[in-house]
Amino acid sequence: MEVKGTAMAGTLESSDAQVTVEPGTNGIELTIESSVINQYGRKIRATVMETLERLDVKNAKVTVVDKGALDCTLKARVEGAVFRSNGITENLPWGGAIR
């Protein structure tokens, strides 16, 4: 799936994450901000990258501002931002393979 526009999902509340996606041309450019980056940075990165791969996103600029979100929350925020960037707002295939 192509990221067609800039979109955001999530909040900056505790136990959430704010994910912003923008069109890109040089693969996935991922930026993560988190107060727990030293403890969970690798896991946050892996979760975001796996979700983008499952959605078949090849090129995008992705920014994650993590406030202690669980993996399921990170996945939902990434999916939500990617769907919004494509104008998909109904019949969302949450957690399903999109190809």
N, C-alpha and C. Protein backbone atom coordinates (compact mmCIF):
# COMPACT_ATOMS: atom_id res chain seq x y z
N MET A 1 0.85 -1.17 0.00
CA MET A 1 0.00 0.00 0.00
C MET A 1 0.90 1.23 0.00
N GLU A 2 0.53 2.18 -0.80
CA GLU A 2 1.29 3.41 -0.90
C GLU A 2 0.77 4.43 0.12
N VAL A 3 1.68 5.18 0.73
CA VAL A 3 1.29 6.28 1.60
C VAL A 3 1.09 7.49 0.69
N LYS A 4 -0.16 7.93 0.54
CA LYS A 4 -0.48 8.97 -0.44
C LYS A 4 -0.48 10.38 0.13
N GLY A 5 -0.63 10.52 1.43
CA GLY A 5 -0.67 11.83 2.05
C GLY A 5 -0.20 11.75 3.49
N THR A 6 -0.11 12.88 4.13
CA THR A 6 0.28 12.92 5.53
C THR A 6 -0.94 12.60 6.39
N ALA A 7 -0.76 11.72 7.35
CA ALA A 7 -1.86 11.35 8.24
C ALA A 7 -1.31 11.00 9.62
N MET A 8 -2.17 11.12 10.62
CA MET A 8 -1.77 10.87 12.00
C MET A 8 -2.83 10.03 12.69
N ALA A 9 -2.38 9.22 13.63
CA ALA A 9 -3.29 8.45 14.48
C ALA A 9 -2.70 8.40 15.89
N GLY A 10 -3.57 8.44 16.88
CA GLY A 10 -3.13 8.34 18.27
C GLY A 10 -3.08 9.69 18.96
N THR A 11 -2.69 9.62 20.24
CA THR A 11 -2.61 10.82 21.07
C THR A 11 -1.28 10.83 21.82
N LEU A 12 -1.08 11.88 22.57
CA LEU A 12 0.12 11.97 23.41
C LEU A 12 -0.21 11.68 24.87
N GLU A 13 -1.32 10.98 25.09
CA GLU A 13 -1.71 10.57 26.43
C GLU A 13 -0.85 9.40 26.90
N SER A 14 -0.81 9.20 28.19
CA SER A 14 -0.08 8.08 28.77
C SER A 14 -0.62 6.76 28.22
N SER A 15 0.25 5.82 27.95
CA SER A 15 -0.08 4.49 27.43
C SER A 15 -0.59 4.51 26.00
N ASP A 16 -0.28 5.56 25.26
CA ASP A 16 -0.68 5.66 23.86
C ASP A 16 0.55 6.01 23.03
N ALA A 17 0.36 6.15 21.74
CA ALA A 17 1.42 6.58 20.84
C ALA A 17 0.79 7.41 19.74
N GLN A 18 1.52 8.40 19.28
CA GLN A 18 1.07 9.19 18.15
C GLN A 18 1.95 8.83 16.96
N VAL A 19 1.32 8.34 15.91
CA VAL A 19 2.05 7.90 14.72
C VAL A 19 1.67 8.82 13.56
N THR A 20 2.69 9.35 12.90
CA THR A 20 2.49 10.19 11.72
C THR A 20 3.18 9.52 10.54
N VAL A 21 2.47 9.42 9.41
CA VAL A 21 3.07 8.88 8.19
C VAL A 21 3.00 9.95 7.11
N GLU A 22 4.03 9.98 6.28
CA GLU A 22 4.12 10.89 5.15
C GLU A 22 4.67 10.12 3.97
N PRO A 23 4.36 10.56 2.76
CA PRO A 23 4.94 9.90 1.59
C PRO A 23 6.47 9.99 1.64
N GLY A 24 7.11 8.97 1.16
CA GLY A 24 8.56 8.94 1.11
C GLY A 24 9.02 8.32 -0.21
N THR A 25 10.31 8.43 -0.48
CA THR A 25 10.84 7.89 -1.73
C THR A 25 12.06 7.01 -1.51
N ASN A 26 12.50 6.89 -0.27
CA ASN A 26 13.75 6.20 0.00
C ASN A 26 13.56 5.11 1.05
N GLY A 27 12.61 4.22 0.83
CA GLY A 27 12.34 3.17 1.80
C GLY A 27 11.59 3.72 3.00
N ILE A 28 11.70 3.02 4.12
CA ILE A 28 11.04 3.45 5.36
C ILE A 28 12.03 4.27 6.18
N GLU A 29 11.67 5.51 6.45
CA GLU A 29 12.48 6.38 7.31
C GLU A 29 11.72 6.50 8.63
N LEU A 30 12.20 5.81 9.65
CA LEU A 30 11.50 5.73 10.93
C LEU A 30 12.20 6.54 12.00
N THR A 31 11.43 7.41 12.66
CA THR A 31 11.92 8.19 13.79
C THR A 31 11.07 7.84 14.99
N ILE A 32 11.73 7.50 16.11
CA ILE A 32 11.01 7.13 17.33
C ILE A 32 11.45 8.04 18.47
N GLU A 33 10.47 8.60 19.17
CA GLU A 33 10.71 9.35 20.39
C GLU A 33 9.98 8.61 21.51
N SER A 34 10.70 8.29 22.57
CA SER A 34 10.07 7.56 23.67
C SER A 34 10.90 7.73 24.93
N SER A 35 10.20 7.84 26.06
CA SER A 35 10.91 7.93 27.33
C SER A 35 11.49 6.58 27.74
N VAL A 36 11.04 5.52 27.08
CA VAL A 36 11.54 4.17 27.38
C VAL A 36 12.32 3.60 26.20
N ILE A 37 12.92 4.48 25.41
CA ILE A 37 13.63 4.05 24.21
C ILE A 37 14.78 3.09 24.55
N ASN A 38 15.46 3.31 25.67
CA ASN A 38 16.57 2.44 26.04
C ASN A 38 16.12 1.02 26.38
N GLN A 39 14.95 0.90 26.98
CA GLN A 39 14.44 -0.41 27.36
C GLN A 39 13.69 -1.10 26.22
N TYR A 40 12.90 -0.33 25.46
CA TYR A 40 11.97 -0.95 24.50
C TYR A 40 12.12 -0.45 23.07
N GLY A 41 13.13 0.32 22.79
CA GLY A 41 13.31 0.89 21.46
C GLY A 41 13.34 -0.14 20.34
N ARG A 42 14.07 -1.23 20.56
CA ARG A 42 14.15 -2.28 19.53
C ARG A 42 12.81 -2.92 19.27
N LYS A 43 12.04 -3.14 20.34
CA LYS A 43 10.72 -3.76 20.21
C LYS A 43 9.73 -2.82 19.52
N ILE A 44 9.79 -1.54 19.86
CA ILE A 44 8.93 -0.56 19.21
C ILE A 44 9.23 -0.54 17.71
N ARG A 45 10.49 -0.46 17.38
CA ARG A 45 10.91 -0.45 15.97
C ARG A 45 10.44 -1.70 15.25
N ALA A 46 10.65 -2.86 15.86
CA ALA A 46 10.25 -4.12 15.23
C ALA A 46 8.74 -4.18 15.00
N THR A 47 7.96 -3.74 15.98
CA THR A 47 6.50 -3.75 15.85
C THR A 47 6.04 -2.85 14.73
N VAL A 48 6.60 -1.64 14.65
CA VAL A 48 6.21 -0.70 13.60
C VAL A 48 6.62 -1.25 12.23
N MET A 49 7.84 -1.74 12.12
CA MET A 49 8.32 -2.25 10.83
C MET A 49 7.53 -3.48 10.37
N GLU A 50 7.20 -4.38 11.29
CA GLU A 50 6.39 -5.56 10.94
C GLU A 50 5.01 -5.15 10.44
N THR A 51 4.42 -4.16 11.09
CA THR A 51 3.09 -3.69 10.69
C THR A 51 3.15 -3.05 9.31
N LEU A 52 4.16 -2.22 9.05
CA LEU A 52 4.32 -1.61 7.74
C LEU A 52 4.55 -2.66 6.67
N GLU A 53 5.34 -3.67 6.99
CA GLU A 53 5.60 -4.75 6.04
C GLU A 53 4.32 -5.51 5.72
N ARG A 54 3.52 -5.80 6.74
CA ARG A 54 2.26 -6.51 6.54
C ARG A 54 1.30 -5.70 5.68
N LEU A 55 1.36 -4.38 5.81
CA LEU A 55 0.53 -3.49 5.00
C LEU A 55 1.14 -3.23 3.62
N ASP A 56 2.31 -3.79 3.38
CA ASP A 56 3.03 -3.65 2.11
C ASP A 56 3.40 -2.20 1.82
N VAL A 57 3.79 -1.47 2.86
CA VAL A 57 4.27 -0.10 2.70
C VAL A 57 5.77 -0.17 2.43
N LYS A 58 6.18 0.35 1.29
CA LYS A 58 7.59 0.28 0.88
C LYS A 58 8.34 1.58 1.12
N ASN A 59 7.66 2.71 0.93
CA ASN A 59 8.28 4.02 1.05
C ASN A 59 7.42 4.93 1.92
N ALA A 60 7.98 5.42 3.01
CA ALA A 60 7.24 6.34 3.88
C ALA A 60 8.18 6.93 4.92
N LYS A 61 7.81 8.12 5.37
CA LYS A 61 8.47 8.72 6.53
C LYS A 61 7.50 8.50 7.69
N VAL A 62 7.97 7.84 8.72
CA VAL A 62 7.11 7.48 9.85
C VAL A 62 7.73 8.05 11.13
N THR A 63 6.90 8.76 11.89
CA THR A 63 7.35 9.29 13.18
C THR A 63 6.45 8.72 14.26
N VAL A 64 7.07 8.15 15.28
CA VAL A 64 6.34 7.58 16.41
C VAL A 64 6.76 8.34 17.67
N VAL A 65 5.76 8.91 18.36
CA VAL A 65 5.99 9.51 19.67
C VAL A 65 5.28 8.59 20.66
N ASP A 66 6.08 7.79 21.35
CA ASP A 66 5.55 6.76 22.24
C ASP A 66 5.43 7.26 23.67
N LYS A 67 4.30 6.96 24.28
CA LYS A 67 4.06 7.31 25.68
C LYS A 67 3.75 6.05 26.49
N GLY A 68 4.44 4.95 26.15
CA GLY A 68 4.26 3.70 26.88
C GLY A 68 3.19 2.80 26.29
N ALA A 69 2.99 2.88 24.99
CA ALA A 69 1.96 2.08 24.32
C ALA A 69 2.34 0.61 24.25
N LEU A 70 1.33 -0.24 24.38
CA LEU A 70 1.51 -1.67 24.18
C LEU A 70 1.64 -1.95 22.68
N ASP A 71 2.14 -3.14 22.34
CA ASP A 71 2.30 -3.52 20.94
C ASP A 71 1.01 -3.41 20.15
N CYS A 72 -0.10 -3.87 20.74
CA CYS A 72 -1.38 -3.83 20.03
C CYS A 72 -1.79 -2.40 19.72
N THR A 73 -1.46 -1.47 20.59
CA THR A 73 -1.77 -0.07 20.37
C THR A 73 -0.90 0.50 19.26
N LEU A 74 0.38 0.16 19.28
CA LEU A 74 1.28 0.61 18.21
C LEU A 74 0.80 0.11 16.85
N LYS A 75 0.42 -1.16 16.78
CA LYS A 75 -0.06 -1.72 15.51
C LYS A 75 -1.29 -0.98 15.03
N ALA A 76 -2.24 -0.74 15.93
CA ALA A 76 -3.48 -0.05 15.55
C ALA A 76 -3.19 1.38 15.10
N ARG A 77 -2.27 2.06 15.74
CA ARG A 77 -1.94 3.44 15.37
C ARG A 77 -1.26 3.49 14.01
N VAL A 78 -0.36 2.56 13.74
CA VAL A 78 0.29 2.52 12.43
C VAL A 78 -0.74 2.21 11.35
N GLU A 79 -1.58 1.21 11.58
CA GLU A 79 -2.63 0.87 10.60
C GLU A 79 -3.54 2.07 10.37
N GLY A 80 -3.98 2.71 11.44
CA GLY A 80 -4.88 3.85 11.32
C GLY A 80 -4.28 4.98 10.51
N ALA A 81 -3.03 5.30 10.76
CA ALA A 81 -2.37 6.38 10.03
C ALA A 81 -2.22 6.03 8.54
N VAL A 82 -1.84 4.79 8.25
CA VAL A 82 -1.68 4.38 6.85
C VAL A 82 -3.03 4.40 6.13
N PHE A 83 -4.06 3.85 6.76
CA PHE A 83 -5.39 3.87 6.15
C PHE A 83 -5.85 5.31 5.89
N ARG A 84 -5.67 6.19 6.88
CA ARG A 84 -6.08 7.59 6.72
C ARG A 84 -5.31 8.27 5.59
N SER A 85 -4.04 7.92 5.42
CA SER A 85 -3.24 8.54 4.36
C SER A 85 -3.77 8.18 2.98
N ASN A 86 -4.55 7.12 2.91
CA ASN A 86 -5.14 6.67 1.65
C ASN A 86 -6.62 7.00 1.55
N GLY A 87 -7.14 7.71 2.53
CA GLY A 87 -8.55 8.07 2.50
C GLY A 87 -9.49 6.92 2.82
N ILE A 88 -8.96 5.84 3.39
CA ILE A 88 -9.79 4.68 3.74
C ILE A 88 -10.38 4.93 5.13
N THR A 89 -11.70 5.09 5.19
CA THR A 89 -12.34 5.39 6.46
C THR A 89 -13.48 4.44 6.81
N GLU A 90 -13.85 3.57 5.89
CA GLU A 90 -14.93 2.63 6.14
C GLU A 90 -14.48 1.21 5.84
N ASN A 91 -15.10 0.25 6.50
CA ASN A 91 -14.81 -1.17 6.29
C ASN A 91 -13.32 -1.46 6.43
N LEU A 92 -12.73 -0.94 7.48
CA LEU A 92 -11.29 -1.11 7.69
C LEU A 92 -10.96 -2.56 8.04
N PRO A 93 -9.98 -3.11 7.37
CA PRO A 93 -9.57 -4.50 7.65
C PRO A 93 -8.56 -4.56 8.78
N TRP A 94 -8.94 -4.15 9.99
CA TRP A 94 -8.02 -4.08 11.12
C TRP A 94 -7.34 -5.42 11.33
N GLY A 95 -6.02 -5.38 11.40
CA GLY A 95 -5.23 -6.57 11.72
C GLY A 95 -5.18 -7.60 10.64
N GLY A 96 -5.82 -7.39 9.51
CA GLY A 96 -5.82 -8.38 8.44
C GLY A 96 -4.76 -8.10 7.41
N ALA A 97 -4.42 -9.11 6.65
CA ALA A 97 -3.44 -8.94 5.59
C ALA A 97 -4.04 -8.13 4.46
N ILE A 98 -3.32 -7.14 4.01
CA ILE A 98 -3.76 -6.29 2.90
C ILE A 98 -2.74 -6.42 1.79
N ARG A 99 -3.17 -6.92 0.68
CA ARG A 99 -2.24 -7.10 -0.46
C ARG A 99 -2.96 -6.80 -1.73
